[in-house]
PDB file of N, CA and C in Angstrom:
ATOM      1  N   MET A   1       0.821  -1.196   0.000  1.00  0.00           N
ATOM      2  CA  MET A   1       0.000   0.000   0.000  1.00  0.00           C
ATOM      3  C   MET A   1       0.864   1.258   0.000  1.00  0.00           C
ATOM      4  N   PHE A   2       2.011   1.209   0.661  1.00  0.00           N
ATOM      5  CA  PHE A   2       2.883   2.374   0.750  1.00  0.00           C
ATOM      6  C   PHE A   2       3.431   2.743  -0.623  1.00  0.00           C
ATOM      7  N   LYS A   3       3.812   1.741  -1.403  1.00  0.00           N
ATOM      8  CA  LYS A   3       4.375   2.017  -2.717  1.00  0.00           C
ATOM      9  C   LYS A   3       3.330   2.566  -3.672  1.00  0.00           C
ATOM     10  N   THR A   4       2.109   2.111  -3.557  1.00  0.00           N
ATOM     11  CA  THR A   4       1.093   2.609  -4.470  1.00  0.00           C
ATOM     12  C   THR A   4       0.738   4.061  -4.179  1.00  0.00           C
ATOM     13  N   LYS A   5       0.768   4.464  -2.918  1.00  0.00           N
ATOM     14  CA  LYS A   5       0.516   5.871  -2.592  1.00  0.00           C
ATOM     15  C   LYS A   5       1.606   6.751  -3.170  1.00  0.00           C
ATOM     16  N   ILE A   6       2.852   6.307  -3.059  1.00  0.00           N
ATOM     17  CA  ILE A   6       3.954   7.081  -3.623  1.00  0.00           C
ATOM     18  C   ILE A   6       3.846   7.132  -5.139  1.00  0.00           C
ATOM     19  N   LEU A   7       3.502   6.011  -5.760  1.00  0.00           N
ATOM     20  CA  LEU A   7       3.354   5.980  -7.213  1.00  0.00           C
ATOM     21  C   LEU A   7       2.249   6.916  -7.672  1.00  0.00           C
ATOM     22  N   TRP A   8       1.084   6.855  -7.027  1.00  0.00           N
ATOM     23  CA  TRP A   8      -0.014   7.736  -7.404  1.00  0.00           C
ATOM     24  C   TRP A   8       0.318   9.189  -7.117  1.00  0.00           C
ATOM     25  N   ALA A   9       1.035   9.461  -6.029  1.00  0.00           N
ATOM     26  CA  ALA A   9       1.440  10.833  -5.735  1.00  0.00           C
ATOM     27  C   ALA A   9       2.391  11.347  -6.815  1.00  0.00           C
ATOM     28  N   LEU A  10       3.330  10.508  -7.277  1.00  0.00           N
ATOM     29  CA  LEU A  10       4.224  10.918  -8.362  1.00  0.00           C
ATOM     30  C   LEU A  10       3.450  11.199  -9.640  1.00  0.00           C
ATOM     31  N   VAL A  11       2.526  10.310  -9.979  1.00  0.00           N
ATOM     32  CA  VAL A  11       1.747  10.498 -11.212  1.00  0.00           C
ATOM     33  C   VAL A  11       0.901  11.763 -11.123  1.00  0.00           C
ATOM     34  N   LEU A  12       0.195  11.936 -10.017  1.00  0.00           N
ATOM     35  CA  LEU A  12      -0.659  13.113  -9.870  1.00  0.00           C
ATOM     36  C   LEU A  12       0.158  14.405  -9.764  1.00  0.00           C
ATOM     37  N   GLY A  13       1.331  14.351  -9.152  1.00  0.00           N
ATOM     38  CA  GLY A  13       2.200  15.524  -9.091  1.00  0.00           C
ATOM     39  C   GLY A  13       2.700  15.937 -10.466  1.00  0.00           C
ATOM     40  N   VAL A  14       3.077  14.960 -11.285  1.00  0.00           N
ATOM     41  CA  VAL A  14       3.533  15.258 -12.641  1.00  0.00           C
ATOM     42  C   VAL A  14       2.381  15.802 -13.477  1.00  0.00           C
ATOM     43  N   VAL A  15       1.203  15.214 -13.342  1.00  0.00           N
ATOM     44  CA  VAL A  15       0.042  15.689 -14.095  1.00  0.00           C
ATOM     45  C   VAL A  15      -0.317  17.114 -13.673  1.00  0.00           C
ATOM     46  N   THR A  16      -0.293  17.391 -12.378  1.00  0.00           N
ATOM     47  CA  THR A  16      -0.593  18.732 -11.887  1.00  0.00           C
ATOM     48  C   THR A  16       0.411  19.745 -12.416  1.00  0.00           C
ATOM     49  N   SER A  17       1.697  19.402 -12.384  1.00  0.00           N
ATOM     50  CA  SER A  17       2.716  20.318 -12.885  1.00  0.00           C
ATOM     51  C   SER A  17       2.585  20.544 -14.388  1.00  0.00           C
ATOM     52  N   ALA A  18       2.269  19.493 -15.125  1.00  0.00           N
ATOM     53  CA  ALA A  18       2.089  19.645 -16.573  1.00  0.00           C
ATOM     54  C   ALA A  18       0.858  20.499 -16.878  1.00  0.00           C
ATOM     55  N   LEU A  19      -0.221  20.295 -16.138  1.00  0.00           N
ATOM     56  CA  LEU A  19      -1.415  21.114 -16.347  1.00  0.00           C
ATOM     57  C   LEU A  19      -1.168  22.575 -15.998  1.00  0.00           C
ATOM     58  N   LEU A  20      -0.386  22.818 -14.960  1.00  0.00           N
ATOM     59  CA  LEU A  20      -0.046  24.202 -14.614  1.00  0.00           C
ATOM     60  C   LEU A  20       0.797  24.855 -15.699  1.00  0.00           C
ATOM     61  N   ARG A  21       1.714  24.097 -16.272  1.00  0.00           N
ATOM     62  CA  ARG A  21       2.545  24.645 -17.348  1.00  0.00           C
ATOM     63  C   ARG A  21       1.693  24.977 -18.573  1.00  0.00           C
ATOM     64  N   GLU A  22       0.767  24.091 -18.916  1.00  0.00           N
ATOM     65  CA  GLU A  22      -0.130  24.354 -20.046  1.00  0.00           C
ATOM     66  C   GLU A  22      -1.070  25.518 -19.754  1.00  0.00           C
ATOM     67  N   ALA A  23      -1.557  25.596 -18.517  1.00  0.00           N
ATOM     68  CA  ALA A  23      -2.446  26.698 -18.160  1.00  0.00           C
ATOM     69  C   ALA A  23      -1.719  28.028 -18.220  1.00  0.00           C
ATOM     70  N   LYS A  24      -0.456  28.024 -17.840  1.00  0.00           N
ATOM     71  CA  LYS A  24       0.319  29.253 -17.906  1.00  0.00           C
ATOM     72  C   LYS A  24       0.489  29.726 -19.345  1.00  0.00           C
ATOM     73  N   ILE A  25       0.616  28.776 -20.262  1.00  0.00           N
ATOM     74  CA  ILE A  25       0.769  29.125 -21.669  1.00  0.00           C
ATOM     75  C   ILE A  25      -0.571  29.539 -22.276  1.00  0.00           C
ATOM     76  N   ASN A  26      -1.612  28.766 -22.051  1.00  0.00           N
ATOM     77  CA  ASN A  26      -2.891  28.992 -22.733  1.00  0.00           C
ATOM     78  C   ASN A  26      -3.778  30.046 -22.083  1.00  0.00           C
ATOM     79  N   LEU A  27      -3.634  30.287 -20.811  1.00  0.00           N
ATOM     80  CA  LEU A  27      -4.487  31.255 -20.127  1.00  0.00           C
ATOM     81  C   LEU A  27      -3.777  32.582 -19.870  1.00  0.00           C
ATOM     82  N   ALA A  28      -2.730  32.854 -20.612  1.00  0.00           N
ATOM     83  CA  ALA A  28      -1.934  34.054 -20.351  1.00  0.00           C
ATOM     84  C   ALA A  28      -2.655  35.338 -20.718  1.00  0.00           C
ATOM     85  N   TYR A  29      -3.622  35.280 -21.617  1.00  0.00           N
ATOM     86  CA  TYR A  29      -4.270  36.502 -22.086  1.00  0.00           C
ATOM     87  C   TYR A  29      -5.581  36.812 -21.386  1.00  0.00           C
ATOM     88  N   SER A  30      -6.026  35.947 -20.520  1.00  0.00           N
ATOM     89  CA  SER A  30      -7.252  36.189 -19.769  1.00  0.00           C
ATOM     90  C   SER A  30      -6.885  36.748 -18.396  1.00  0.00           C
ATOM     91  N   PRO A  31      -7.364  37.943 -18.057  1.00  0.00           N
ATOM     92  CA  PRO A  31      -6.945  38.537 -16.779  1.00  0.00           C
ATOM     93  C   PRO A  31      -7.416  37.760 -15.554  1.00  0.00           C
ATOM     94  N   LEU A  32      -8.609  37.177 -15.630  1.00  0.00           N
ATOM     95  CA  LEU A  32      -9.123  36.440 -14.473  1.00  0.00           C
ATOM     96  C   LEU A  32      -8.468  35.070 -14.358  1.00  0.00           C
ATOM     97  N   TRP A  33      -8.404  34.324 -15.466  1.00  0.00           N
ATOM     98  CA  TRP A  33      -7.890  32.960 -15.422  1.00  0.00           C
ATOM     99  C   TRP A  33      -6.375  32.905 -15.332  1.00  0.00           C
ATOM    100  N   SER A  34      -5.698  33.995 -15.606  1.00  0.00           N
ATOM    101  CA  SER A  34      -4.238  33.967 -15.496  1.00  0.00           C
ATOM    102  C   SER A  34      -3.773  34.017 -14.043  1.00  0.00           C
ATOM    103  N   ARG A  35      -4.650  34.382 -13.140  1.00  0.00           N
ATOM    104  CA  ARG A  35      -4.273  34.428 -11.719  1.00  0.00           C
ATOM    105  C   ARG A  35      -4.105  33.043 -11.121  1.00  0.00           C
ATOM    106  N   ILE A  36      -4.868  32.076 -11.612  1.00  0.00           N
ATOM    107  CA  ILE A  36      -4.835  30.724 -11.043  1.00  0.00           C
ATOM    108  C   ILE A  36      -3.452  30.087 -11.174  1.00  0.00           C
ATOM    109  N   PRO A  37      -2.843  30.051 -12.373  1.00  0.00           N
ATOM    110  CA  PRO A  37      -1.495  29.466 -12.446  1.00  0.00           C
ATOM    111  C   PRO A  37      -0.455  30.249 -11.651  1.00  0.00           C
ATOM    112  N   HIS A  38      -0.634  31.555 -11.555  1.00  0.00           N
ATOM    113  CA  HIS A  38       0.324  32.354 -10.784  1.00  0.00           C
ATOM    114  C   HIS A  38       0.260  32.022  -9.302  1.00  0.00           C
ATOM    115  N   VAL A  39      -0.931  31.788  -8.804  1.00  0.00           N
ATOM    116  CA  VAL A  39      -1.078  31.427  -7.392  1.00  0.00           C
ATOM    117  C   VAL A  39      -0.541  30.022  -7.138  1.00  0.00           C
ATOM    118  N   LEU A  40      -0.826  29.094  -8.043  1.00  0.00           N
ATOM    119  CA  LEU A  40      -0.408  27.710  -7.828  1.00  0.00           C
ATOM    120  C   LEU A  40       1.081  27.486  -8.073  1.00  0.00           C
ATOM    121  N   THR A  41       1.737  28.369  -8.800  1.00  0.00           N
ATOM    122  CA  THR A  41       3.180  28.251  -9.000  1.00  0.00           C
ATOM    123  C   THR A  41       3.964  29.166  -8.070  1.00  0.00           C
ATOM    124  N   ALA A  42       3.297  29.797  -7.131  1.00  0.00           N
ATOM    125  CA  ALA A  42       3.958  30.728  -6.218  1.00  0.00           C
ATOM    126  C   ALA A  42       5.024  30.080  -5.329  1.00  0.00           C
ATOM    127  N   PRO A  43       4.852  28.834  -4.824  1.00  0.00           N
ATOM    128  CA  PRO A  43       5.905  28.278  -3.958  1.00  0.00           C
ATOM    129  C   PRO A  43       7.257  28.167  -4.653  1.00  0.00           C
ATOM    130  N   GLY A  44       7.277  27.685  -5.875  1.00  0.00           N
ATOM    131  CA  GLY A  44       8.538  27.583  -6.605  1.00  0.00           C
ATOM    132  C   GLY A  44       9.127  28.941  -6.910  1.00  0.00           C
ATOM    133  N   THR A  45       8.269  29.895  -7.233  1.00  0.00           N
ATOM    134  CA  THR A  45       8.732  31.247  -7.531  1.00  0.00           C
ATOM    135  C   THR A  45       9.341  31.900  -6.301  1.00  0.00           C
ATOM    136  N   ARG A  46       8.705  31.718  -5.173  1.00  0.00           N
ATOM    137  CA  ARG A  46       9.244  32.307  -3.930  1.00  0.00           C
ATOM    138  C   ARG A  46      10.558  31.645  -3.512  1.00  0.00           C
ATOM    139  N   PHE A  47      10.663  30.337  -3.733  1.00  0.00           N
ATOM    140  CA  PHE A  47      11.904  29.636  -3.415  1.00  0.00           C
ATOM    141  C   PHE A  47      13.057  30.155  -4.268  1.00  0.00           C
ATOM    142  N   VAL A  48      12.811  30.329  -5.557  1.00  0.00           N
ATOM    143  CA  VAL A  48      13.847  30.833  -6.458  1.00  0.00           C
ATOM    144  C   VAL A  48      14.190  32.275  -6.122  1.00  0.00           C
ATOM    145  N   ALA A  49      13.193  33.082  -5.786  1.00  0.00           N
ATOM    146  CA  ALA A  49      13.454  34.474  -5.431  1.00  0.00           C
ATOM    147  C   ALA A  49      14.287  34.574  -4.156  1.00  0.00           C
ATOM    148  N   ALA A  50      14.114  33.623  -3.248  1.00  0.00           N
ATOM    149  CA  ALA A  50      14.901  33.646  -2.009  1.00  0.00           C
ATOM    150  C   ALA A  50      16.354  33.235  -2.254  1.00  0.00           C
ATOM    151  N   ILE A  51      16.564  32.332  -3.203  1.00  0.00           N
ATOM    152  CA  ILE A  51      17.921  31.842  -3.466  1.00  0.00           C
ATOM    153  C   ILE A  51      18.662  32.727  -4.457  1.00  0.00           C
ATOM    154  N   ASN A  52      17.990  33.216  -5.471  1.00  0.00           N
ATOM    155  CA  ASN A  52      18.625  33.969  -6.551  1.00  0.00           C
ATOM    156  C   ASN A  52      18.748  35.438  -6.171  1.00  0.00           C
ATOM    157  N   MET A  53      19.738  35.737  -5.391  1.00  0.00           N
ATOM    158  CA  MET A  53      19.995  37.107  -4.970  1.00  0.00           C
ATOM    159  C   MET A  53      20.844  37.827  -6.018  1.00  0.00           C
ATOM    160  N   PRO A  54      20.737  39.141  -6.092  1.00  0.00           N
ATOM    161  CA  PRO A  54      21.621  39.878  -7.004  1.00  0.00           C
ATOM    162  C   PRO A  54      23.081  39.723  -6.591  1.00  0.00           C
ATOM    163  N   GLY A  55      23.921  39.492  -7.576  1.00  0.00           N
ATOM    164  CA  GLY A  55      25.341  39.332  -7.311  1.00  0.00           C
ATOM    165  C   GLY A  55      25.779  37.892  -7.135  1.00  0.00           C
ATOM    166  N   THR A  56      24.877  36.939  -7.257  1.00  0.00           N
ATOM    167  CA  THR A  56      25.261  35.537  -7.139  1.00  0.00           C
ATOM    168  C   THR A  56      25.831  35.053  -8.463  1.00  0.00           C
ATOM    169  N   LEU A  57      26.421  33.891  -8.423  1.00  0.00           N
ATOM    170  CA  LEU A  57      27.094  33.350  -9.602  1.00  0.00           C
ATOM    171  C   LEU A  57      26.113  33.006 -10.720  1.00  0.00           C
ATOM    172  N   MET A  58      24.946  32.472 -10.377  1.00  0.00           N
ATOM    173  CA  MET A  58      23.975  32.034 -11.382  1.00  0.00           C
ATOM    174  C   MET A  58      22.870  33.073 -11.588  1.00  0.00           C
ATOM    175  N   GLU A  59      23.155  34.328 -11.411  1.00  0.00           N
ATOM    176  CA  GLU A  59      22.128  35.363 -11.464  1.00  0.00           C
ATOM    177  C   GLU A  59      21.451  35.467 -12.827  1.00  0.00           C
ATOM    178  N   GLY A  60      22.180  35.333 -13.905  1.00  0.00           N
ATOM    179  CA  GLY A  60      21.614  35.579 -15.220  1.00  0.00           C
ATOM    180  C   GLY A  60      21.019  34.378 -15.925  1.00  0.00           C
ATOM    181  N   SER A  61      21.209  33.167 -15.434  1.00  0.00           N
ATOM    182  CA  SER A  61      20.730  31.987 -16.164  1.00  0.00           C
ATOM    183  C   SER A  61      19.260  31.725 -15.826  1.00  0.00           C
ATOM    184  N   THR A  62      18.383  32.231 -16.682  1.00  0.00           N
ATOM    185  CA  THR A  62      16.950  32.119 -16.417  1.00  0.00           C
ATOM    186  C   THR A  62      16.432  30.709 -16.648  1.00  0.00           C
ATOM    187  N   ARG A  63      17.028  29.970 -17.578  1.00  0.00           N
ATOM    188  CA  ARG A  63      16.571  28.596 -17.814  1.00  0.00           C
ATOM    189  C   ARG A  63      16.810  27.722 -16.584  1.00  0.00           C
ATOM    190  N   PHE A  64      17.947  27.908 -15.941  1.00  0.00           N
ATOM    191  CA  PHE A  64      18.264  27.136 -14.742  1.00  0.00           C
ATOM    192  C   PHE A  64      17.257  27.435 -13.637  1.00  0.00           C
ATOM    193  N   TRP A  65      16.965  28.707 -13.412  1.00  0.00           N
ATOM    194  CA  TRP A  65      16.061  29.072 -12.328  1.00  0.00           C
ATOM    195  C   TRP A  65      14.625  28.676 -12.648  1.00  0.00           C
ATOM    196  N   ALA A  66      14.258  28.688 -13.913  1.00  0.00           N
ATOM    197  CA  ALA A  66      12.929  28.193 -14.287  1.00  0.00           C
ATOM    198  C   ALA A  66      12.829  26.691 -14.008  1.00  0.00           C
ATOM    199  N   GLY A  67      13.896  25.951 -14.271  1.00  0.00           N
ATOM    200  CA  GLY A  67      13.924  24.522 -13.961  1.00  0.00           C
ATOM    201  C   GLY A  67      13.862  24.256 -12.468  1.00  0.00           C
ATOM    202  N   VAL A  68      14.558  25.082 -11.683  1.00  0.00           N
ATOM    203  CA  VAL A  68      14.513  24.936 -10.224  1.00  0.00           C
ATOM    204  C   VAL A  68      13.108  25.226  -9.703  1.00  0.00           C
ATOM    205  N   ALA A  69      12.451  26.254 -10.230  1.00  0.00           N
ATOM    206  CA  ALA A  69      11.090  26.586  -9.799  1.00  0.00           C
ATOM    207  C   ALA A  69      10.122  25.464 -10.179  1.00  0.00           C
ATOM    208  N   PHE A  70      10.266  24.911 -11.382  1.00  0.00           N
ATOM    209  CA  PHE A  70       9.399  23.814 -11.813  1.00  0.00           C
ATOM    210  C   PHE A  70       9.614  22.585 -10.933  1.00  0.00           C
ATOM    211  N   THR A  71      10.864  22.263 -10.626  1.00  0.00           N
ATOM    212  CA  THR A  71      11.170  21.117  -9.770  1.00  0.00           C
ATOM    213  C   THR A  71      10.627  21.313  -8.360  1.00  0.00           C
ATOM    214  N   CYS A  72      10.746  22.531  -7.843  1.00  0.00           N
ATOM    215  CA  CYS A  72      10.213  22.821  -6.504  1.00  0.00           C
ATOM    216  C   CYS A  72       8.699  22.662  -6.484  1.00  0.00           C
ATOM    217  N   ASN A  73       8.014  23.180  -7.502  1.00  0.00           N
ATOM    218  CA  ASN A  73       6.564  23.006  -7.574  1.00  0.00           C
ATOM    219  C   ASN A  73       6.194  21.538  -7.722  1.00  0.00           C
ATOM    220  N   LEU A  74       6.966  20.799  -8.508  1.00  0.00           N
ATOM    221  CA  LEU A  74       6.707  19.372  -8.676  1.00  0.00           C
ATOM    222  C   LEU A  74       6.813  18.642  -7.341  1.00  0.00           C
ATOM    223  N   LEU A  75       7.854  18.911  -6.573  1.00  0.00           N
ATOM    224  CA  LEU A  75       8.014  18.267  -5.269  1.00  0.00           C
ATOM    225  C   LEU A  75       6.909  18.665  -4.295  1.00  0.00           C
ATOM    226  N   ILE A  76       6.515  19.913  -4.336  1.00  0.00           N
ATOM    227  CA  ILE A  76       5.450  20.366  -3.440  1.00  0.00           C
ATOM    228  C   ILE A  76       4.138  19.667  -3.779  1.00  0.00           C
ATOM    229  N   TYR A  77       3.833  19.529  -5.072  1.00  0.00           N
ATOM    230  CA  TYR A  77       2.579  18.879  -5.442  1.00  0.00           C
ATOM    231  C   TYR A  77       2.638  17.372  -5.239  1.00  0.00           C
ATOM    232  N   ILE A  78       3.802  16.776  -5.345  1.00  0.00           N
ATOM    233  CA  ILE A  78       3.924  15.350  -5.008  1.00  0.00           C
ATOM    234  C   ILE A  78       3.656  15.144  -3.516  1.00  0.00           C
ATOM    235  N   LEU A  79       4.220  16.000  -2.681  1.00  0.00           N
ATOM    236  CA  LEU A  79       3.962  15.904  -1.238  1.00  0.00           C
ATOM    237  C   LEU A  79       2.497  16.182  -0.910  1.00  0.00           C
ATOM    238  N   PHE A  80       1.894  17.144  -1.606  1.00  0.00           N
ATOM    239  CA  PHE A  80       0.477  17.445  -1.393  1.00  0.00           C
ATOM    240  C   PHE A  80      -0.391  16.232  -1.723  1.00  0.00           C
ATOM    241  N   TRP A  81      -0.166  15.629  -2.900  1.00  0.00           N
ATOM    242  CA  TRP A  81      -0.989  14.483  -3.299  1.00  0.00           C
ATOM    243  C   TRP A  81      -0.729  13.282  -2.393  1.00  0.00           C
ATOM    244  N   TYR A  82       0.518  13.078  -1.944  1.00  0.00           N
ATOM    245  CA  TYR A  82       0.803  11.971  -1.041  1.00  0.00           C
ATOM    246  C   TYR A  82       0.066  12.166   0.286  1.00  0.00           C
ATOM    247  N   GLY A  83       0.111  13.379   0.814  1.00  0.00           N
ATOM    248  CA  GLY A  83      -0.596  13.651   2.065  1.00  0.00           C
ATOM    249  C   GLY A  83      -2.097  13.490   1.929  1.00  0.00           C
ATOM    250  N   LEU A  84      -2.641  13.935   0.801  1.00  0.00           N
ATOM    251  CA  LEU A  84      -4.070  13.799   0.576  1.00  0.00           C
ATOM    252  C   LEU A  84      -4.476  12.326   0.445  1.00  0.00           C
ATOM    253  N   LEU A  85      -3.700  11.539  -0.295  1.00  0.00           N
ATOM    254  CA  LEU A  85      -4.000  10.120  -0.439  1.00  0.00           C
ATOM    255  C   LEU A  85      -3.853   9.377   0.883  1.00  0.00           C
ATOM    256  N   ARG A  86      -2.868   9.755   1.666  1.00  0.00           N
ATOM    257  CA  ARG A  86      -2.683   9.130   2.977  1.00  0.00           C
ATOM    258  C   ARG A  86      -3.846   9.451   3.913  1.00  0.00           C
ATOM    259  N   MET A  87      -4.317  10.697   3.874  1.00  0.00           N
ATOM    260  CA  MET A  87      -5.436  11.091   4.712  1.00  0.00           C
ATOM    261  C   MET A  87      -6.721  10.382   4.273  1.00  0.00           C
ATOM    262  N   ILE A  88      -6.932  10.244   2.965  1.00  0.00           N
ATOM    263  CA  ILE A  88      -8.104   9.533   2.470  1.00  0.00           C
ATOM    264  C   ILE A  88      -8.044   8.061   2.893  1.00  0.00           C
ATOM    265  N   GLY A  89      -6.855   7.445   2.800  1.00  0.00           N
ATOM    266  CA  GLY A  89      -6.702   6.065   3.244  1.00  0.00           C
ATOM    267  C   GLY A  89      -6.957   5.909   4.726  1.00  0.00           C
ATOM    268  N   TYR A  90      -6.511   6.864   5.514  1.00  0.00           N
ATOM    269  CA  TYR A  90      -6.745   6.815   6.963  1.00  0.00           C
ATOM    270  C   TYR A  90      -8.228   6.948   7.281  1.00  0.00           C
ATOM    271  N   LEU A  91      -8.896   7.887   6.613  1.00  0.00           N
ATOM    272  CA  LEU A  91     -10.320   8.084   6.879  1.00  0.00           C
ATOM    273  C   LEU A  91     -11.152   6.895   6.402  1.00  0.00           C
ATOM    274  N   ARG A  92     -10.762   6.275   5.302  1.00  0.00           N
ATOM    275  CA  ARG A  92     -11.483   5.085   4.845  1.00  0.00           C
ATOM    276  C   ARG A  92     -11.262   3.920   5.800  1.00  0.00           C
ATOM    277  N   GLY A  93     -10.082   3.835   6.387  1.00  0.00           N
ATOM    278  CA  GLY A  93      -9.820   2.783   7.370  1.00  0.00           C
ATOM    279  C   GLY A  93     -10.555   3.014   8.673  1.00  0.00           C
ATOM    280  N   ARG A  94     -10.812   4.272   9.006  1.00  0.00           N
ATOM    281  CA  ARG A  94     -11.514   4.591  10.246  1.00  0.00           C
ATOM    282  C   ARG A  94     -13.019   4.441  10.112  1.00  0.00           C
ATOM    283  N   ARG A  95     -13.516   4.305   8.898  1.00  0.00           N
ATOM    284  CA  ARG A  95     -14.948   4.194   8.691  1.00  0.00           C
ATOM    285  C   ARG A  95     -15.495   2.950   9.382  1.00  0.00           C
ATOM    286  N   ASN A  96     -14.823   1.835   9.232  1.00  0.00           N
ATOM    287  CA  ASN A  96     -15.229   0.603   9.885  1.00  0.00           C
ATOM    288  C   ASN A  96     -13.954  -0.080  10.398  1.00  0.00           C
ATOM    289  N   PRO A  97     -13.466   0.302  11.572  1.00  0.00           N
ATOM    290  CA  PRO A  97     -12.161  -0.188  12.032  1.00  0.00           C
ATOM    291  C   PRO A  97     -12.133  -1.660  12.411  1.00  0.00           C
ATOM    292  N   TYR A  98     -13.280  -2.298  12.620  1.00  0.00           N
ATOM    293  CA  TYR A  98     -13.281  -3.683  13.069  1.00  0.00           C
ATOM    294  C   TYR A  98     -13.261  -4.678  11.915  1.00  0.00           C
ATOM    295  N   ASP A  99     -13.222  -4.215  10.694  1.00  0.00           N
ATOM    296  CA  ASP A  99     -13.152  -5.134   9.556  1.00  0.00           C
ATOM    297  C   ASP A  99     -11.790  -5.801   9.445  1.00  0.00           C
ATOM    298  N   ARG A 100     -10.745  -5.136   9.893  1.00  0.00           N
ATOM    299  CA  ARG A 100      -9.397  -5.659   9.695  1.00  0.00           C
ATOM    300  C   ARG A 100      -8.842  -6.433  10.884  1.00  0.00           C
ATOM    301  N   GLN A 101      -9.426  -6.323  12.038  1.00  0.00           N
ATOM    302  CA  GLN A 101      -8.841  -6.960  13.217  1.00  0.00           C
ATOM    303  C   GLN A 101      -9.926  -7.613  14.066  1.00  0.00           C
ATOM    304  N   ASP A 102      -9.484  -8.531  14.899  1.00  0.00           N
ATOM    305  CA  ASP A 102     -10.409  -9.181  15.819  1.00  0.00           C
ATOM    306  C   ASP A 102     -10.652  -8.271  17.018  1.00  0.00           C
ATOM    307  N   THR A 103     -11.812  -8.388  17.575  1.00  0.00           N
ATOM    308  CA  THR A 103     -12.115  -7.626  18.780  1.00  0.00           C
ATOM    309  C   THR A 103     -12.152  -8.575  19.957  1.00  0.00           C
ATOM    310  N   LEU A 104     -11.948  -8.048  21.131  1.00  0.00           N
ATOM    311  CA  LEU A 104     -11.980  -8.861  22.333  1.00  0.00           C
ATOM    312  C   LEU A 104     -13.407  -9.151  22.766  1.00  0.00           C
ATOM    313  N   VAL A 105     -14.329  -8.331  22.387  1.00  0.00           N
ATOM    314  CA  VAL A 105     -15.718  -8.503  22.777  1.00  0.00           C
ATOM    315  C   VAL A 105     -16.428  -9.259  21.652  1.00  0.00           C
ATOM    316  N   PRO A 106     -17.071 -10.383  22.004  1.00  0.00           N
ATOM    317  CA  PRO A 106     -17.804 -11.111  20.949  1.00  0.00           C
ATOM    318  C   PRO A 106     -19.017 -10.302  20.493  1.00  0.00           C
ATOM    319  N   PRO A 107     -19.445 -10.512  19.253  1.00  0.00           N
ATOM    320  CA  PRO A 107     -20.611  -9.758  18.769  1.00  0.00           C
ATOM    321  C   PRO A 107     -21.867 -10.157  19.506  1.00  0.00           C
ATOM    322  N   ILE A 108     -22.765  -9.199  19.670  1.00  0.00           N
ATOM    323  CA  ILE A 108     -24.033  -9.428  20.359  1.00  0.00           C
ATOM    324  C   ILE A 108     -25.023  -9.968  19.342  1.00  0.00           C
ATOM    325  N   THR A 109     -25.617 -11.102  19.675  1.00  0.00           N
ATOM    326  CA  THR A 109     -26.628 -11.686  18.789  1.00  0.00           C
ATOM    327  C   THR A 109     -27.979 -11.602  19.455  1.00  0.00           C
ATOM    328  N   ARG A 110     -28.880 -10.884  18.941  1.00  0.00           N
ATOM    329  CA  ARG A 110     -30.217 -10.736  19.525  1.00  0.00           C
ATOM    330  C   ARG A 110     -31.237 -11.070  18.506  1.00  0.00           C
TER     331      ARG A 110
END
C-alpha cells in the first residue's frame, strides 16, 4: 500500500505540474484565469526568489532558475498528493475499524 501511494502521488504531481505549465501558456491573455497558475506556482517562484539574490554566480541563467522553480513546484505537489492520499486512506480505514482486526468482545446476537 505504501508504494502505491507514492506511485499515485508521483503520477498526480507530474500531471498537476504539466497542467499548470499548459495553463500558464494557454491562459496568459485572460486577466481572471491567469491568476490561477500564478497562485499555484507561487511556492517555486518564492523559493527561487529567495535563493537567486543579485550578485550571485547564477544570477543571469533564467533557464536554470525556471527549472529549479518547476522542480520545486513538482516536489510540493507530489507531497500534497501523497498527504491527501494518505489522509483519504486513513479516513477510509476509520470508517469501519473492526473489519481488519479481531475484537476482544464477541458480537451481540439478539
